Structures are given as C-alpha cells and as structure tokens.
C-alpha cells in the first residue's frame, strides 16, 4: 500500500512542486497538519509511512518557507510540535484539489 501511495504522490507531485515549491514529503506532512492540526514529527511519520529523518527534513524545510512553525512540547521537551501558519493553511487549501484529482 505504501508503494502505491508513494507512486501516486510522485505522479501528482509535479503539479504542486512547480506551483508551490513543495516536495512530496513536505506536502504529505502539510496534509497531516491540515487534516489533524498540530502534531509531532512522530505522529506525522505514523500517518504518512515516511521515515523520521525524511519527515524531520520536510518539517525543517516547511519552517524555512514560513509554512509551519515548530515549538517544543511542554509535556516532553524532547518532542517538537509542528503546526501550519495562515499561509501554510492557504497553500494547503489550494493543493488539496490537485492532490485529490487522481482519485476522481
């Protein structure tokens, strides 16, 4: 299943990579944040089947692009909570129809 999801993601990645400058891993992390709200990198890994190093790089890139701020979890200072900014939510809203179009 993971292989199929990755193939679909890469097939449509060109649409949103050119328009929004996002990699597949960045988009998939944004998708989790857009659907579920703030989350940890471990939570994103669980929901995307992407390894932790890739998710960490993706969220760091999103932070640099001002799409997703990070903050330390107050309950466990070893964890980082990732969330989307208003700009990130707007981009998410624009990408969802592109990402879902192969399903129709």
PDB file of N, CA and C in Angstrom:
ATOM      1  N   UNK A   1       0.823  -1.188   0.000  1.00  0.00           N
ATOM      2  CA  UNK A   1       0.000   0.000   0.000  1.00  0.00           C
ATOM      3  C   UNK A   1       0.869   1.255   0.000  1.00  0.00           C
ATOM      4  N   UNK A   2       1.924   1.217   0.806  1.00  0.00           N
ATOM      5  CA  UNK A   2       2.829   2.364   0.890  1.00  0.00           C
ATOM      6  C   UNK A   2       3.472   2.658  -0.462  1.00  0.00           C
ATOM      7  N   UNK A   3       3.826   1.612  -1.198  1.00  0.00           N
ATOM      8  CA  UNK A   3       4.434   1.793  -2.522  1.00  0.00           C
ATOM      9  C   UNK A   3       3.447   2.460  -3.465  1.00  0.00           C
ATOM     10  N   UNK A   4       2.205   2.017  -3.439  1.00  0.00           N
ATOM     11  CA  UNK A   4       1.167   2.609  -4.288  1.00  0.00           C
ATOM     12  C   UNK A   4       0.958   4.085  -3.946  1.00  0.00           C
ATOM     13  N   UNK A   5       0.865   4.388  -2.655  1.00  0.00           N
ATOM     14  CA  UNK A   5       0.688   5.778  -2.230  1.00  0.00           C
ATOM     15  C   UNK A   5       1.862   6.634  -2.682  1.00  0.00           C
ATOM     16  N   UNK A   6       3.081   6.114  -2.550  1.00  0.00           N
ATOM     17  CA  UNK A   6       4.257   6.874  -2.997  1.00  0.00           C
ATOM     18  C   UNK A   6       4.232   7.111  -4.499  1.00  0.00           C
ATOM     19  N   UNK A   7       3.821   6.120  -5.266  1.00  0.00           N
ATOM     20  CA  UNK A   7       3.757   6.295  -6.727  1.00  0.00           C
ATOM     21  C   UNK A   7       2.721   7.350  -7.117  1.00  0.00           C
ATOM     22  N   UNK A   8       1.580   7.316  -6.474  1.00  0.00           N
ATOM     23  CA  UNK A   8       0.550   8.321  -6.750  1.00  0.00           C
ATOM     24  C   UNK A   8       1.051   9.701  -6.349  1.00  0.00           C
ATOM     25  N   UNK A   9       1.657   9.790  -5.166  1.00  0.00           N
ATOM     26  CA  UNK A   9       2.185  11.075  -4.690  1.00  0.00           C
ATOM     27  C   UNK A   9       3.209  11.647  -5.662  1.00  0.00           C
ATOM     28  N   UNK A  10       4.115  10.801  -6.143  1.00  0.00           N
ATOM     29  CA  UNK A  10       5.134  11.291  -7.069  1.00  0.00           C
ATOM     30  C   UNK A  10       4.539  11.663  -8.425  1.00  0.00           C
ATOM     31  N   UNK A  11       3.506  10.953  -8.839  1.00  0.00           N
ATOM     32  CA  UNK A  11       2.873  11.252 -10.126  1.00  0.00           C
ATOM     33  C   UNK A  11       2.231  12.634 -10.136  1.00  0.00           C
ATOM     34  N   UNK A  12       1.645  13.031  -9.002  1.00  0.00           N
ATOM     35  CA  UNK A  12       0.998  14.341  -8.958  1.00  0.00           C
ATOM     36  C   UNK A  12       1.896  15.423  -8.364  1.00  0.00           C
ATOM     37  N   UNK A  13       3.058  15.014  -7.871  1.00  0.00           N
ATOM     38  CA  UNK A  13       3.962  15.968  -7.209  1.00  0.00           C
ATOM     39  C   UNK A  13       4.383  17.096  -8.131  1.00  0.00           C
ATOM     40  N   UNK A  14       4.516  16.808  -9.405  1.00  0.00           N
ATOM     41  CA  UNK A  14       4.960  17.843 -10.329  1.00  0.00           C
ATOM     42  C   UNK A  14       4.012  19.035 -10.336  1.00  0.00           C
ATOM     43  N   UNK A  15       2.707  18.773 -10.191  1.00  0.00           N
ATOM     44  CA  UNK A  15       1.723  19.851 -10.189  1.00  0.00           C
ATOM     45  C   UNK A  15       1.971  20.841  -9.062  1.00  0.00           C
ATOM     46  N   UNK A  16       2.132  20.334  -7.860  1.00  0.00           N
ATOM     47  CA  UNK A  16       2.280  21.258  -6.746  1.00  0.00           C
ATOM     48  C   UNK A  16       3.722  21.607  -6.420  1.00  0.00           C
ATOM     49  N   UNK A  17       4.672  20.827  -6.941  1.00  0.00           N
ATOM     50  CA  UNK A  17       6.077  21.188  -6.724  1.00  0.00           C
ATOM     51  C   UNK A  17       6.416  22.448  -7.527  1.00  0.00           C
ATOM     52  N   UNK A  18       5.967  22.493  -8.762  1.00  0.00           N
ATOM     53  CA  UNK A  18       6.223  23.676  -9.597  1.00  0.00           C
ATOM     54  C   UNK A  18       5.464  24.899  -9.091  1.00  0.00           C
ATOM     55  N   UNK A  19       4.219  24.730  -8.727  1.00  0.00           N
ATOM     56  CA  UNK A  19       3.390  25.859  -8.300  1.00  0.00           C
ATOM     57  C   UNK A  19       3.745  26.385  -6.914  1.00  0.00           C
ATOM     58  N   UNK A  20       4.047  25.470  -5.994  1.00  0.00           N
ATOM     59  CA  UNK A  20       4.198  25.871  -4.597  1.00  0.00           C
ATOM     60  C   UNK A  20       5.581  25.606  -4.004  1.00  0.00           C
ATOM     61  N   UNK A  21       6.463  24.953  -4.764  1.00  0.00           N
ATOM     62  CA  UNK A  21       7.815  24.683  -4.284  1.00  0.00           C
ATOM     63  C   UNK A  21       7.881  23.672  -3.150  1.00  0.00           C
ATOM     64  N   UNK A  22       6.968  22.701  -3.147  1.00  0.00           N
ATOM     65  CA  UNK A  22       6.916  21.702  -2.083  1.00  0.00           C
ATOM     66  C   UNK A  22       7.303  20.322  -2.599  1.00  0.00           C
ATOM     67  N   UNK A  23       8.096  19.620  -1.811  1.00  0.00           N
ATOM     68  CA  UNK A  23       8.416  18.232  -2.145  1.00  0.00           C
ATOM     69  C   UNK A  23       7.242  17.341  -1.740  1.00  0.00           C
ATOM     70  N   UNK A  24       7.302  16.084  -2.136  1.00  0.00           N
ATOM     71  CA  UNK A  24       6.254  15.135  -1.771  1.00  0.00           C
ATOM     72  C   UNK A  24       6.175  15.004  -0.250  1.00  0.00           C
ATOM     73  N   UNK A  25       7.319  14.870   0.412  1.00  0.00           N
ATOM     74  CA  UNK A  25       7.329  14.723   1.877  1.00  0.00           C
ATOM     75  C   UNK A  25       6.780  15.969   2.558  1.00  0.00           C
ATOM     76  N   UNK A  26       7.117  17.150   2.044  1.00  0.00           N
ATOM     77  CA  UNK A  26       6.592  18.390   2.615  1.00  0.00           C
ATOM     78  C   UNK A  26       5.080  18.448   2.464  1.00  0.00           C
ATOM     79  N   UNK A  27       4.596  18.094   1.284  1.00  0.00           N
ATOM     80  CA  UNK A  27       3.152  18.115   1.068  1.00  0.00           C
ATOM     81  C   UNK A  27       2.458  17.114   1.979  1.00  0.00           C
ATOM     82  N   UNK A  28       3.005  15.908   2.096  1.00  0.00           N
ATOM     83  CA  UNK A  28       2.348  14.890   2.918  1.00  0.00           C
ATOM     84  C   UNK A  28       2.331  15.306   4.391  1.00  0.00           C
ATOM     85  N   UNK A  29       3.390  15.956   4.849  1.00  0.00           N
ATOM     86  CA  UNK A  29       3.394  16.480   6.225  1.00  0.00           C
ATOM     87  C   UNK A  29       2.330  17.564   6.366  1.00  0.00           C
ATOM     88  N   UNK A  30       2.250  18.448   5.378  1.00  0.00           N
ATOM     89  CA  UNK A  30       1.219  19.502   5.410  1.00  0.00           C
ATOM     90  C   UNK A  30      -0.179  18.894   5.406  1.00  0.00           C
ATOM     91  N   UNK A  31      -0.353  17.820   4.674  1.00  0.00           N
ATOM     92  CA  UNK A  31      -1.665  17.179   4.591  1.00  0.00           C
ATOM     93  C   UNK A  31      -2.101  16.679   5.966  1.00  0.00           C
ATOM     94  N   UNK A  32      -1.167  16.067   6.697  1.00  0.00           N
ATOM     95  CA  UNK A  32      -1.485  15.604   8.054  1.00  0.00           C
ATOM     96  C   UNK A  32      -1.845  16.792   8.932  1.00  0.00           C
ATOM     97  N   UNK A  33      -1.053  17.849   8.863  1.00  0.00           N
ATOM     98  CA  UNK A  33      -1.316  19.032   9.684  1.00  0.00           C
ATOM     99  C   UNK A  33      -2.641  19.684   9.292  1.00  0.00           C
ATOM    100  N   UNK A  34      -2.935  19.704   8.007  1.00  0.00           N
ATOM    101  CA  UNK A  34      -4.181  20.300   7.535  1.00  0.00           C
ATOM    102  C   UNK A  34      -5.409  19.525   7.979  1.00  0.00           C
ATOM    103  N   UNK A  35      -5.273  18.217   8.061  1.00  0.00           N
ATOM    104  CA  UNK A  35      -6.418  17.383   8.458  1.00  0.00           C
ATOM    105  C   UNK A  35      -6.557  17.262   9.971  1.00  0.00           C
ATOM    106  N   UNK A  36      -5.411  17.177  10.671  1.00  0.00           N
ATOM    107  CA  UNK A  36      -5.455  16.862  12.098  1.00  0.00           C
ATOM    108  C   UNK A  36      -5.009  18.003  13.004  1.00  0.00           C
ATOM    109  N   UNK A  37      -4.438  19.036  12.437  1.00  0.00           N
ATOM    110  CA  UNK A  37      -3.933  20.134  13.263  1.00  0.00           C
ATOM    111  C   UNK A  37      -2.531  19.850  13.768  1.00  0.00           C
ATOM    112  N   UNK A  38      -2.089  20.592  14.782  1.00  0.00           N
ATOM    113  CA  UNK A  38      -0.726  20.449  15.290  1.00  0.00           C
ATOM    114  C   UNK A  38      -0.398  18.996  15.612  1.00  0.00           C
ATOM    115  N   UNK A  39       0.851  18.603  15.324  1.00  0.00           N
ATOM    116  CA  UNK A  39       1.246  17.222  15.510  1.00  0.00           C
ATOM    117  C   UNK A  39       2.742  17.150  15.732  1.00  0.00           C
ATOM    118  N   UNK A  40       3.196  16.008  16.213  1.00  0.00           N
ATOM    119  CA  UNK A  40       4.630  15.775  16.371  1.00  0.00           C
ATOM    120  C   UNK A  40       5.173  15.156  15.097  1.00  0.00           C
ATOM    121  N   UNK A  41       6.496  15.171  14.947  1.00  0.00           N
ATOM    122  CA  UNK A  41       7.078  14.513  13.776  1.00  0.00           C
ATOM    123  C   UNK A  41       6.792  13.013  13.827  1.00  0.00           C
ATOM    124  N   UNK A  42       6.785  12.426  15.025  1.00  0.00           N
ATOM    125  CA  UNK A  42       6.454  11.001  15.144  1.00  0.00           C
ATOM    126  C   UNK A  42       5.022  10.738  14.689  1.00  0.00           C
ATOM    127  N   UNK A  43       4.102  11.632  15.028  1.00  0.00           N
ATOM    128  CA  UNK A  43       2.720  11.494  14.587  1.00  0.00           C
ATOM    129  C   UNK A  43       2.598  11.589  13.080  1.00  0.00           C
ATOM    130  N   UNK A  44       3.366  12.500  12.487  1.00  0.00           N
ATOM    131  CA  UNK A  44       3.357  12.628  11.026  1.00  0.00           C
ATOM    132  C   UNK A  44       3.921  11.363  10.394  1.00  0.00           C
ATOM    133  N   UNK A  45       4.987  10.814  10.974  1.00  0.00           N
ATOM    134  CA  UNK A  45       5.577   9.562  10.464  1.00  0.00           C
ATOM    135  C   UNK A  45       4.548   8.441  10.460  1.00  0.00           C
ATOM    136  N   UNK A  46       3.809   8.305  11.557  1.00  0.00           N
ATOM    137  CA  UNK A  46       2.794   7.254  11.657  1.00  0.00           C
ATOM    138  C   UNK A  46       1.732   7.390  10.584  1.00  0.00           C
ATOM    139  N   UNK A  47       1.338   8.597  10.296  1.00  0.00           N
ATOM    140  CA  UNK A  47       0.223   8.819   9.373  1.00  0.00           C
ATOM    141  C   UNK A  47       0.627   8.858   7.906  1.00  0.00           C
ATOM    142  N   UNK A  48       1.923   8.998   7.637  1.00  0.00           N
ATOM    143  CA  UNK A  48       2.376   9.082   6.249  1.00  0.00           C
ATOM    144  C   UNK A  48       3.224   7.898   5.806  1.00  0.00           C
ATOM    145  N   UNK A  49       3.657   7.072   6.741  1.00  0.00           N
ATOM    146  CA  UNK A  49       4.573   5.960   6.453  1.00  0.00           C
ATOM    147  C   UNK A  49       5.878   6.460   5.852  1.00  0.00           C
ATOM    148  N   UNK A  50       6.283   7.654   6.250  1.00  0.00           N
ATOM    149  CA  UNK A  50       7.567   8.226   5.837  1.00  0.00           C
ATOM    150  C   UNK A  50       8.495   8.134   7.040  1.00  0.00           C
ATOM    151  N   UNK A  51       9.772   7.819   6.786  1.00  0.00           N
ATOM    152  CA  UNK A  51      10.709   7.669   7.892  1.00  0.00           C
ATOM    153  C   UNK A  51      10.942   9.001   8.612  1.00  0.00           C
ATOM    154  N   UNK A  52      11.398   8.903   9.850  1.00  0.00           N
ATOM    155  CA  UNK A  52      11.522  10.076  10.711  1.00  0.00           C
ATOM    156  C   UNK A  52      12.513  11.109  10.173  1.00  0.00           C
ATOM    157  N   UNK A  53      13.606  10.659   9.588  1.00  0.00           N
ATOM    158  CA  UNK A  53      14.600  11.605   9.053  1.00  0.00           C
ATOM    159  C   UNK A  53      14.003  12.431   7.918  1.00  0.00           C
ATOM    160  N   UNK A  54      13.238  11.785   7.049  1.00  0.00           N
ATOM    161  CA  UNK A  54      12.617  12.497   5.929  1.00  0.00           C
ATOM    162  C   UNK A  54      11.577  13.486   6.436  1.00  0.00           C
ATOM    163  N   UNK A  55      10.767  13.077   7.412  1.00  0.00           N
ATOM    164  CA  UNK A  55       9.767  13.977   7.979  1.00  0.00           C
ATOM    165  C   UNK A  55      10.441  15.149   8.677  1.00  0.00           C
ATOM    166  N   UNK A  56      11.526  14.874   9.382  1.00  0.00           N
ATOM    167  CA  UNK A  56      12.259  15.950  10.061  1.00  0.00           C
ATOM    168  C   UNK A  56      12.790  16.967   9.052  1.00  0.00           C
ATOM    169  N   UNK A  57      13.373  16.479   7.962  1.00  0.00           N
ATOM    170  CA  UNK A  57      13.864  17.392   6.907  1.00  0.00           C
ATOM    171  C   UNK A  57      12.707  18.170   6.282  1.00  0.00           C
ATOM    172  N   UNK A  58      11.597  17.478   6.041  1.00  0.00           N
ATOM    173  CA  UNK A  58      10.441  18.136   5.423  1.00  0.00           C
ATOM    174  C   UNK A  58       9.900  19.243   6.317  1.00  0.00           C
ATOM    175  N   UNK A  59       9.773  18.976   7.613  1.00  0.00           N
ATOM    176  CA  UNK A  59       9.239  20.000   8.506  1.00  0.00           C
ATOM    177  C   UNK A  59      10.227  21.149   8.691  1.00  0.00           C
ATOM    178  N   UNK A  60      11.522  20.845   8.639  1.00  0.00           N
ATOM    179  CA  UNK A  60      12.523  21.913   8.701  1.00  0.00           C
ATOM    180  C   UNK A  60      12.428  22.799   7.466  1.00  0.00           C
ATOM    181  N   UNK A  61      12.245  22.183   6.297  1.00  0.00           N
ATOM    182  CA  UNK A  61      12.072  22.970   5.062  1.00  0.00           C
ATOM    183  C   UNK A  61      10.798  23.805   5.133  1.00  0.00           C
ATOM    184  N   UNK A  62       9.728  23.233   5.646  1.00  0.00           N
ATOM    185  CA  UNK A  62       8.478  23.985   5.785  1.00  0.00           C
ATOM    186  C   UNK A  62       8.673  25.172   6.725  1.00  0.00           C
ATOM    187  N   UNK A  63       9.437  24.978   7.776  1.00  0.00           N
ATOM    188  CA  UNK A  63       9.721  26.072   8.711  1.00  0.00           C
ATOM    189  C   UNK A  63      10.461  27.196   7.992  1.00  0.00           C
ATOM    190  N   UNK A  64      11.447  26.839   7.183  1.00  0.00           N
ATOM    191  CA  UNK A  64      12.221  27.851   6.446  1.00  0.00           C
ATOM    192  C   UNK A  64      11.355  28.594   5.435  1.00  0.00           C
ATOM    193  N   UNK A  65      10.358  27.916   4.906  1.00  0.00           N
ATOM    194  CA  UNK A  65       9.457  28.534   3.932  1.00  0.00           C
ATOM    195  C   UNK A  65       8.309  29.277   4.607  1.00  0.00           C
ATOM    196  N   UNK A  66       8.352  29.379   5.914  1.00  0.00           N
ATOM    197  CA  UNK A  66       7.343  30.066   6.725  1.00  0.00           C
ATOM    198  C   UNK A  66       5.961  29.437   6.524  1.00  0.00           C
ATOM    199  N   UNK A  67       5.937  28.126   6.400  1.00  0.00           N
ATOM    200  CA  UNK A  67       4.664  27.440   6.250  1.00  0.00           C
ATOM    201  C   UNK A  67       4.271  26.684   7.507  1.00  0.00           C
ATOM    202  N   UNK A  68       5.229  26.409   8.356  1.00  0.00           N
ATOM    203  CA  UNK A  68       4.927  25.577   9.506  1.00  0.00           C
ATOM    204  C   UNK A  68       5.857  25.898  10.674  1.00  0.00           C
ATOM    205  N   UNK A  69       5.360  26.579  11.708  1.00  0.00           N
ATOM    206  CA  UNK A  69       6.213  26.844  12.870  1.00  0.00           C
ATOM    207  C   UNK A  69       6.372  25.595  13.736  1.00  0.00           C
ATOM    208  N   UNK A  70       7.520  25.498  14.414  1.00  0.00           N
ATOM    209  CA  UNK A  70       7.761  24.404  15.345  1.00  0.00           C
ATOM    210  C   UNK A  70       7.859  24.977  16.748  1.00  0.00           C
ATOM    211  N   UNK A  71       7.432  24.186  17.729  1.00  0.00           N
ATOM    212  CA  UNK A  71       7.630  24.589  19.121  1.00  0.00           C
ATOM    213  C   UNK A  71       7.859  23.335  19.947  1.00  0.00           C
ATOM    214  N   UNK A  72       8.530  23.499  21.049  1.00  0.00           N
ATOM    215  CA  UNK A  72       8.816  22.378  21.931  1.00  0.00           C
ATOM    216  C   UNK A  72       7.563  21.988  22.693  1.00  0.00           C
ATOM    217  N   UNK A  73       7.318  20.688  22.784  1.00  0.00           N
ATOM    218  CA  UNK A  73       6.181  20.169  23.537  1.00  0.00           C
ATOM    219  C   UNK A  73       6.430  20.440  25.022  1.00  0.00           C
ATOM    220  N   UNK A  74       5.501  21.099  25.680  1.00  0.00           N
ATOM    221  CA  UNK A  74       5.666  21.440  27.092  1.00  0.00           C
ATOM    222  C   UNK A  74       5.639  20.213  28.005  1.00  0.00           C
ATOM    223  N   UNK A  75       4.978  19.149  27.586  1.00  0.00           N
ATOM    224  CA  UNK A  75       4.909  17.928  28.388  1.00  0.00           C
ATOM    225  C   UNK A  75       6.158  17.068  28.242  1.00  0.00           C
ATOM    226  N   UNK A  76       6.786  17.105  27.079  1.00  0.00           N
ATOM    227  CA  UNK A  76       8.003  16.331  26.828  1.00  0.00           C
ATOM    228  C   UNK A  76       8.917  17.182  25.965  1.00  0.00           C
ATOM    229  N   UNK A  77       9.899  17.806  26.579  1.00  0.00           N
ATOM    230  CA  UNK A  77      10.741  18.778  25.892  1.00  0.00           C
ATOM    231  C   UNK A  77      11.605  18.163  24.791  1.00  0.00           C
ATOM    232  N   UNK A  78      11.621  16.836  24.676  1.00  0.00           N
ATOM    233  CA  UNK A  78      12.359  16.184  23.592  1.00  0.00           C
ATOM    234  C   UNK A  78      11.556  16.192  22.295  1.00  0.00           C
ATOM    235  N   UNK A  79      10.260  16.380  22.400  1.00  0.00           N
ATOM    236  CA  UNK A  79       9.385  16.371  21.221  1.00  0.00           C
ATOM    237  C   UNK A  79       9.156  17.774  20.701  1.00  0.00           C
ATOM    238  N   UNK A  80       8.913  17.846  19.410  1.00  0.00           N
ATOM    239  CA  UNK A  80       8.599  19.100  18.757  1.00  0.00           C
ATOM    240  C   UNK A  80       7.189  19.006  18.184  1.00  0.00           C
ATOM    241  N   UNK A  81       6.416  20.057  18.389  1.00  0.00           N
ATOM    242  CA  UNK A  81       5.074  20.143  17.822  1.00  0.00           C
ATOM    243  C   UNK A  81       5.158  21.014  16.568  1.00  0.00           C
ATOM    244  N   UNK A  82       4.576  20.527  15.487  1.00  0.00           N
ATOM    245  CA  UNK A  82       4.581  21.244  14.214  1.00  0.00           C
ATOM    246  C   UNK A  82       3.161  21.693  13.927  1.00  0.00           C
ATOM    247  N   UNK A  83       3.018  22.911  13.423  1.00  0.00           N
ATOM    248  CA  UNK A  83       1.710  23.454  13.086  1.00  0.00           C
ATOM    249  C   UNK A  83       1.845  24.272  11.811  1.00  0.00           C
ATOM    250  N   UNK A  84       0.740  24.592  11.178  1.00  0.00           N
ATOM    251  CA  UNK A  84       0.781  25.414   9.966  1.00  0.00           C
ATOM    252  C   UNK A  84       0.433  26.861  10.280  1.00  0.00           C
ATOM    253  N   UNK A  85       1.080  27.744   9.558  1.00  0.00           N
ATOM    254  CA  UNK A  85       0.751  29.166   9.636  1.00  0.00           C
ATOM    255  C   UNK A  85      -0.466  29.422   8.759  1.00  0.00           C
ATOM    256  N   UNK A  86      -0.951  30.640   8.784  1.00  0.00           N
ATOM    257  CA  UNK A  86      -2.071  31.019   7.913  1.00  0.00           C
ATOM    258  C   UNK A  86      -1.692  30.819   6.450  1.00  0.00           C
ATOM    259  N   UNK A  87      -0.483  31.186   6.086  1.00  0.00           N
ATOM    260  CA  UNK A  87      -0.017  30.983   4.701  1.00  0.00           C
ATOM    261  C   UNK A  87      -0.007  29.497   4.371  1.00  0.00           C
ATOM    262  N   UNK A  88       0.481  28.681   5.294  1.00  0.00           N
ATOM    263  CA  UNK A  88       0.501  27.238   5.083  1.00  0.00           C
ATOM    264  C   UNK A  88      -0.886  26.671   4.882  1.00  0.00           C
ATOM    265  N   UNK A  89      -1.850  27.142   5.675  1.00  0.00           N
ATOM    266  CA  UNK A  89      -3.238  26.674   5.521  1.00  0.00           C
ATOM    267  C   UNK A  89      -3.815  27.095   4.170  1.00  0.00           C
ATOM    268  N   UNK A  90      -3.483  28.284   3.718  1.00  0.00           N
ATOM    269  CA  UNK A  90      -3.976  28.736   2.394  1.00  0.00           C
ATOM    270  C   UNK A  90      -3.407  27.869   1.281  1.00  0.00           C
ATOM    271  N   UNK A  91      -2.106  27.572   1.367  1.00  0.00           N
ATOM    272  CA  UNK A  91      -1.481  26.720   0.350  1.00  0.00           C
ATOM    273  C   UNK A  91      -2.088  25.320   0.415  1.00  0.00           C
ATOM    274  N   UNK A  92      -2.305  24.816   1.610  1.00  0.00           N
ATOM    275  CA  UNK A  92      -2.930  23.505   1.783  1.00  0.00           C
ATOM    276  C   UNK A  92      -4.295  23.488   1.093  1.00  0.00           C
ATOM    277  N   UNK A  93      -5.067  24.526   1.312  1.00  0.00           N
ATOM    278  CA  UNK A  93      -6.400  24.638   0.715  1.00  0.00           C
ATOM    279  C   UNK A  93      -6.325  24.619  -0.815  1.00  0.00           C
ATOM    280  N   UNK A  94      -5.295  25.235  -1.379  1.00  0.00           N
ATOM    281  CA  UNK A  94      -5.137  25.268  -2.830  1.00  0.00           C
ATOM    282  C   UNK A  94      -4.649  23.935  -3.399  1.00  0.00           C
ATOM    283  N   UNK A  95      -3.847  23.209  -2.627  1.00  0.00           N
ATOM    284  CA  UNK A  95      -3.267  21.966  -3.130  1.00  0.00           C
ATOM    285  C   UNK A  95      -4.230  20.790  -3.031  1.00  0.00           C
ATOM    286  N   UNK A  96      -5.095  20.770  -2.044  1.00  0.00           N
ATOM    287  CA  UNK A  96      -5.975  19.611  -1.829  1.00  0.00           C
ATOM    288  C   UNK A  96      -6.694  19.178  -3.111  1.00  0.00           C
ATOM    289  N   UNK A  97      -7.309  20.075  -3.874  1.00  0.00           N
ATOM    290  CA  UNK A  97      -7.971  19.614  -5.111  1.00  0.00           C
ATOM    291  C   UNK A  97      -6.991  18.978  -6.107  1.00  0.00           C
ATOM    292  N   UNK A  98      -5.755  19.505  -6.171  1.00  0.00           N
ATOM    293  CA  UNK A  98      -4.755  18.903  -7.065  1.00  0.00           C
ATOM    294  C   UNK A  98      -4.370  17.517  -6.605  1.00  0.00           C
ATOM    295  N   UNK A  99      -4.186  17.377  -5.309  1.00  0.00           N
ATOM    296  CA  UNK A  99      -3.761  16.089  -4.765  1.00  0.00           C
ATOM    297  C   UNK A  99      -4.857  15.034  -4.855  1.00  0.00           C
ATOM    298  N   UNK A 100      -6.103  15.458  -4.744  1.00  0.00           N
ATOM    299  CA  UNK A 100      -7.208  14.509  -4.775  1.00  0.00           C
ATOM    300  C   UNK A 100      -7.713  14.215  -6.186  1.00  0.00           C
ATOM    301  N   UNK A 101      -7.309  15.001  -7.168  1.00  0.00           N
ATOM    302  CA  UNK A 101      -7.827  14.839  -8.523  1.00  0.00           C
ATOM    303  C   UNK A 101      -7.604  13.444  -9.113  1.00  0.00           C
ATOM    304  N   UNK A 102      -6.481  12.747  -8.853  1.00  0.00           N
ATOM    305  CA  UNK A 102      -6.355  11.393  -9.408  1.00  0.00           C
ATOM    306  C   UNK A 102      -7.359  10.400  -8.830  1.00  0.00           C
ATOM    307  N   UNK A 103      -7.953  10.721  -7.677  1.00  0.00           N
ATOM    308  CA  UNK A 103      -8.902   9.804  -7.058  1.00  0.00           C
ATOM    309  C   UNK A 103     -10.270   9.865  -7.734  1.00  0.00           C
ATOM    310  N   UNK A 104     -10.545  10.920  -8.512  1.00  0.00           N
ATOM    311  CA  UNK A 104     -11.871  11.050  -9.118  1.00  0.00           C
ATOM    312  C   UNK A 104     -11.904  10.462 -10.516  1.00  0.00           C
TER     313      UNK A 104
END
